[in-house]
Amino acid sequence: MLIAILTLMVIYVTMVYGPIAALLVELFPTNIRYTSMSLPYHIGNGWFGGFLPTTSFAMVAATGDIYYGLWYPVVVAAATFVLGLLFLPETFKRTID
């Protein structure tokens, strides 16, 4: 059962990596594309992903509930979804040069 759950999680995570590269490339003009796409990607992964264990552990230590640390990634994912829904422009049929 554990192998099946881990396999499902890996499938979900890998479904993100293909489209995210295309999304980031389409957001910026060609003269600043590399820096503009690299900076937010690595800041997001470095800061939010890097501090995930520390923040989750601090939340668990503060409340005593071993599942309370799961709220940090849930809240970050929900905030990212809402911000993306509101502010990401539609790039369909738009020239990206």
N, C-alpha and C. Protein backbone atom coordinates (compact mmCIF):
# COMPACT_ATOMS: atom_id res chain seq x y z
N MET A 1 0.82 -1.19 0.00
CA MET A 1 0.00 0.00 0.00
C MET A 1 0.86 1.26 0.00
N LEU A 2 1.95 1.23 0.77
CA LEU A 2 2.84 2.39 0.83
C LEU A 2 3.47 2.66 -0.53
N ILE A 3 3.87 1.62 -1.23
CA ILE A 3 4.46 1.78 -2.57
C ILE A 3 3.45 2.40 -3.52
N ALA A 4 2.20 2.00 -3.44
CA ALA A 4 1.16 2.55 -4.31
C ALA A 4 0.94 4.03 -4.03
N ILE A 5 0.92 4.41 -2.76
CA ILE A 5 0.73 5.82 -2.40
C ILE A 5 1.91 6.66 -2.86
N LEU A 6 3.12 6.16 -2.65
CA LEU A 6 4.31 6.89 -3.09
C LEU A 6 4.35 7.02 -4.61
N THR A 7 3.96 5.97 -5.31
CA THR A 7 3.91 6.03 -6.77
C THR A 7 2.91 7.08 -7.23
N LEU A 8 1.76 7.13 -6.60
CA LEU A 8 0.75 8.13 -6.94
C LEU A 8 1.26 9.54 -6.67
N MET A 9 1.95 9.73 -5.56
CA MET A 9 2.51 11.04 -5.25
C MET A 9 3.56 11.45 -6.27
N VAL A 10 4.41 10.53 -6.68
CA VAL A 10 5.43 10.82 -7.69
C VAL A 10 4.78 11.20 -9.01
N ILE A 11 3.73 10.52 -9.37
CA ILE A 11 3.01 10.84 -10.62
C ILE A 11 2.44 12.25 -10.54
N TYR A 12 1.84 12.61 -9.43
CA TYR A 12 1.28 13.96 -9.28
C TYR A 12 2.37 15.03 -9.35
N VAL A 13 3.48 14.79 -8.69
CA VAL A 13 4.56 15.78 -8.69
C VAL A 13 5.16 15.93 -10.09
N THR A 14 5.36 14.83 -10.78
CA THR A 14 5.96 14.92 -12.11
C THR A 14 5.02 15.54 -13.13
N MET A 15 3.74 15.52 -12.87
CA MET A 15 2.79 16.18 -13.78
C MET A 15 2.96 17.70 -13.76
N VAL A 16 3.58 18.24 -12.73
CA VAL A 16 3.78 19.68 -12.61
C VAL A 16 5.00 20.14 -13.40
N TYR A 17 6.04 19.34 -13.45
CA TYR A 17 7.31 19.80 -14.00
C TYR A 17 7.29 20.05 -15.50
N GLY A 18 6.51 19.37 -16.26
CA GLY A 18 6.42 19.63 -17.70
C GLY A 18 5.77 20.96 -18.00
N PRO A 19 4.57 21.20 -17.52
CA PRO A 19 3.89 22.46 -17.82
C PRO A 19 4.52 23.69 -17.18
N ILE A 20 5.20 23.54 -16.04
CA ILE A 20 5.70 24.74 -15.37
C ILE A 20 6.80 25.41 -16.18
N ALA A 21 7.62 24.65 -16.88
CA ALA A 21 8.66 25.25 -17.71
C ALA A 21 8.04 26.06 -18.84
N ALA A 22 7.04 25.51 -19.50
CA ALA A 22 6.36 26.24 -20.58
C ALA A 22 5.65 27.48 -20.04
N LEU A 23 5.03 27.37 -18.90
CA LEU A 23 4.34 28.50 -18.30
C LEU A 23 5.31 29.64 -18.00
N LEU A 24 6.43 29.32 -17.37
CA LEU A 24 7.38 30.36 -17.02
C LEU A 24 8.01 31.00 -18.25
N VAL A 25 8.27 30.23 -19.28
CA VAL A 25 8.84 30.78 -20.51
C VAL A 25 7.87 31.74 -21.18
N GLU A 26 6.60 31.42 -21.17
CA GLU A 26 5.61 32.26 -21.84
C GLU A 26 5.31 33.56 -21.10
N LEU A 27 5.68 33.65 -19.86
CA LEU A 27 5.34 34.84 -19.08
C LEU A 27 6.23 36.04 -19.35
N PHE A 28 7.44 35.83 -19.87
CA PHE A 28 8.41 36.92 -19.96
C PHE A 28 8.90 37.12 -21.38
N PRO A 29 9.28 38.36 -21.74
CA PRO A 29 9.84 38.61 -23.06
C PRO A 29 11.23 37.98 -23.19
N THR A 30 11.67 37.77 -24.43
CA THR A 30 12.90 37.01 -24.67
C THR A 30 14.14 37.68 -24.11
N ASN A 31 14.20 39.00 -24.05
CA ASN A 31 15.44 39.65 -23.59
C ASN A 31 15.68 39.48 -22.09
N ILE A 32 14.67 39.15 -21.31
CA ILE A 32 14.87 38.92 -19.87
C ILE A 32 14.33 37.56 -19.43
N ARG A 33 14.06 36.71 -20.38
CA ARG A 33 13.35 35.46 -20.08
C ARG A 33 14.10 34.55 -19.11
N TYR A 34 15.39 34.34 -19.31
CA TYR A 34 16.11 33.37 -18.47
C TYR A 34 16.13 33.80 -17.01
N THR A 35 16.52 35.04 -16.76
CA THR A 35 16.58 35.52 -15.38
C THR A 35 15.18 35.61 -14.78
N SER A 36 14.24 36.09 -15.57
CA SER A 36 12.88 36.26 -15.06
C SER A 36 12.21 34.95 -14.72
N MET A 37 12.56 33.90 -15.42
CA MET A 37 11.93 32.62 -15.10
C MET A 37 12.72 31.87 -14.04
N SER A 38 14.02 32.09 -13.97
CA SER A 38 14.83 31.38 -12.99
C SER A 38 14.64 31.93 -11.59
N LEU A 39 14.58 33.23 -11.48
CA LEU A 39 14.51 33.86 -10.16
C LEU A 39 13.27 33.47 -9.36
N PRO A 40 12.05 33.62 -9.89
CA PRO A 40 10.89 33.24 -9.07
C PRO A 40 10.81 31.74 -8.81
N TYR A 41 11.26 30.94 -9.76
CA TYR A 41 11.21 29.50 -9.58
C TYR A 41 12.12 29.07 -8.43
N HIS A 42 13.34 29.58 -8.42
CA HIS A 42 14.29 29.16 -7.39
C HIS A 42 14.01 29.82 -6.04
N ILE A 43 13.49 31.02 -6.04
CA ILE A 43 13.11 31.63 -4.76
C ILE A 43 11.95 30.86 -4.15
N GLY A 44 10.97 30.54 -4.97
CA GLY A 44 9.83 29.78 -4.46
C GLY A 44 10.23 28.42 -3.93
N ASN A 45 11.03 27.70 -4.69
CA ASN A 45 11.46 26.38 -4.24
C ASN A 45 12.43 26.47 -3.07
N GLY A 46 13.32 27.44 -3.11
CA GLY A 46 14.32 27.56 -2.05
C GLY A 46 13.74 28.01 -0.73
N TRP A 47 12.97 29.09 -0.76
CA TRP A 47 12.44 29.64 0.48
C TRP A 47 11.28 28.83 1.03
N PHE A 48 10.27 28.63 0.21
CA PHE A 48 9.09 27.92 0.72
C PHE A 48 9.37 26.43 0.89
N GLY A 49 10.09 25.84 -0.05
CA GLY A 49 10.41 24.43 0.07
C GLY A 49 11.52 24.17 1.08
N GLY A 50 12.49 25.08 1.13
CA GLY A 50 13.62 24.90 2.04
C GLY A 50 13.25 25.06 3.50
N PHE A 51 12.34 25.96 3.77
CA PHE A 51 11.92 26.18 5.15
C PHE A 51 10.73 25.33 5.56
N LEU A 52 10.27 24.48 4.68
CA LEU A 52 9.11 23.63 4.99
C LEU A 52 9.36 22.76 6.22
N PRO A 53 10.46 22.01 6.30
CA PRO A 53 10.64 21.17 7.50
C PRO A 53 10.76 21.99 8.78
N THR A 54 11.47 23.11 8.72
CA THR A 54 11.64 23.93 9.92
C THR A 54 10.32 24.54 10.37
N THR A 55 9.57 25.08 9.43
CA THR A 55 8.30 25.71 9.76
C THR A 55 7.30 24.68 10.27
N SER A 56 7.23 23.55 9.60
CA SER A 56 6.30 22.50 10.03
C SER A 56 6.66 21.98 11.42
N PHE A 57 7.96 21.79 11.66
CA PHE A 57 8.39 21.32 12.98
C PHE A 57 8.05 22.35 14.06
N ALA A 58 8.25 23.63 13.76
CA ALA A 58 7.93 24.68 14.74
C ALA A 58 6.44 24.71 15.03
N MET A 59 5.63 24.51 14.01
CA MET A 59 4.18 24.50 14.22
C MET A 59 3.76 23.30 15.07
N VAL A 60 4.37 22.16 14.81
CA VAL A 60 4.06 20.96 15.60
C VAL A 60 4.52 21.15 17.04
N ALA A 61 5.72 21.71 17.21
CA ALA A 61 6.24 21.92 18.56
C ALA A 61 5.40 22.92 19.34
N ALA A 62 4.88 23.92 18.65
CA ALA A 62 4.08 24.95 19.33
C ALA A 62 2.70 24.44 19.74
N THR A 63 2.12 23.55 18.94
CA THR A 63 0.75 23.10 19.23
C THR A 63 0.69 21.73 19.89
N GLY A 64 1.69 20.90 19.64
CA GLY A 64 1.66 19.54 20.17
C GLY A 64 0.89 18.57 19.29
N ASP A 65 0.27 19.05 18.24
CA ASP A 65 -0.48 18.20 17.31
C ASP A 65 0.45 17.80 16.17
N ILE A 66 0.68 16.50 15.98
CA ILE A 66 1.64 16.05 14.97
C ILE A 66 1.18 16.33 13.55
N TYR A 67 -0.07 16.58 13.35
CA TYR A 67 -0.59 16.86 12.01
C TYR A 67 -0.71 18.35 11.71
N TYR A 68 -0.46 19.20 12.68
CA TYR A 68 -0.62 20.64 12.48
C TYR A 68 0.39 21.20 11.48
N GLY A 69 1.54 20.59 11.38
CA GLY A 69 2.56 21.04 10.43
C GLY A 69 2.16 20.86 8.98
N LEU A 70 1.14 20.07 8.73
CA LEU A 70 0.66 19.88 7.35
C LEU A 70 -0.07 21.11 6.83
N TRP A 71 -0.48 22.00 7.71
CA TRP A 71 -1.21 23.19 7.27
C TRP A 71 -0.32 24.16 6.51
N TYR A 72 0.97 24.21 6.80
CA TYR A 72 1.87 25.13 6.10
C TYR A 72 1.88 24.87 4.59
N PRO A 73 2.16 23.67 4.11
CA PRO A 73 2.12 23.47 2.65
C PRO A 73 0.73 23.63 2.06
N VAL A 74 -0.30 23.30 2.82
CA VAL A 74 -1.66 23.45 2.31
C VAL A 74 -1.99 24.93 2.11
N VAL A 75 -1.64 25.76 3.08
CA VAL A 75 -1.91 27.20 2.98
C VAL A 75 -1.08 27.83 1.87
N VAL A 76 0.19 27.46 1.76
CA VAL A 76 1.04 28.00 0.69
C VAL A 76 0.50 27.59 -0.68
N ALA A 77 0.10 26.34 -0.83
CA ALA A 77 -0.46 25.88 -2.10
C ALA A 77 -1.76 26.59 -2.43
N ALA A 78 -2.62 26.80 -1.45
CA ALA A 78 -3.89 27.49 -1.69
C ALA A 78 -3.65 28.96 -2.06
N ALA A 79 -2.73 29.61 -1.36
CA ALA A 79 -2.42 31.01 -1.68
C ALA A 79 -1.83 31.13 -3.08
N THR A 80 -0.95 30.20 -3.44
CA THR A 80 -0.36 30.20 -4.77
C THR A 80 -1.42 29.99 -5.83
N PHE A 81 -2.35 29.10 -5.57
CA PHE A 81 -3.43 28.84 -6.53
C PHE A 81 -4.28 30.08 -6.74
N VAL A 82 -4.66 30.74 -5.65
CA VAL A 82 -5.52 31.93 -5.76
C VAL A 82 -4.78 33.06 -6.47
N LEU A 83 -3.52 33.30 -6.11
CA LEU A 83 -2.75 34.36 -6.76
C LEU A 83 -2.54 34.06 -8.24
N GLY A 84 -2.26 32.81 -8.57
CA GLY A 84 -2.12 32.43 -9.97
C GLY A 84 -3.40 32.60 -10.74
N LEU A 85 -4.50 32.24 -10.13
CA LEU A 85 -5.80 32.37 -10.77
C LEU A 85 -6.14 33.83 -11.05
N LEU A 86 -5.76 34.71 -10.14
CA LEU A 86 -6.09 36.12 -10.29
C LEU A 86 -5.12 36.89 -11.19
N PHE A 87 -3.84 36.56 -11.14
CA PHE A 87 -2.84 37.43 -11.77
C PHE A 87 -2.12 36.85 -12.98
N LEU A 88 -2.19 35.56 -13.24
CA LEU A 88 -1.49 35.02 -14.41
C LEU A 88 -2.24 35.36 -15.68
N PRO A 89 -1.55 35.94 -16.66
CA PRO A 89 -2.24 36.30 -17.89
C PRO A 89 -2.45 35.08 -18.79
N GLU A 90 -3.45 35.16 -19.63
CA GLU A 90 -3.70 34.11 -20.62
C GLU A 90 -2.73 34.31 -21.78
N THR A 91 -2.02 33.27 -22.19
CA THR A 91 -1.04 33.39 -23.27
C THR A 91 -1.47 32.64 -24.52
N PHE A 92 -2.67 32.15 -24.57
CA PHE A 92 -3.16 31.43 -25.74
C PHE A 92 -3.26 32.38 -26.93
N LYS A 93 -2.71 31.97 -28.06
CA LYS A 93 -2.69 32.75 -29.31
C LYS A 93 -1.99 34.10 -29.16
N ARG A 94 -1.03 34.17 -28.27
CA ARG A 94 -0.24 35.38 -28.10
C ARG A 94 1.19 35.09 -28.51
N THR A 95 1.81 35.99 -29.24
CA THR A 95 3.19 35.78 -29.63
C THR A 95 4.09 35.90 -28.40
N ILE A 96 5.03 34.98 -28.26
CA ILE A 96 5.89 34.99 -27.07
C ILE A 96 7.32 35.37 -27.40
N ASP A 97 7.54 36.01 -28.53
CA ASP A 97 8.90 36.44 -28.91
C ASP A 97 9.29 37.71 -28.24
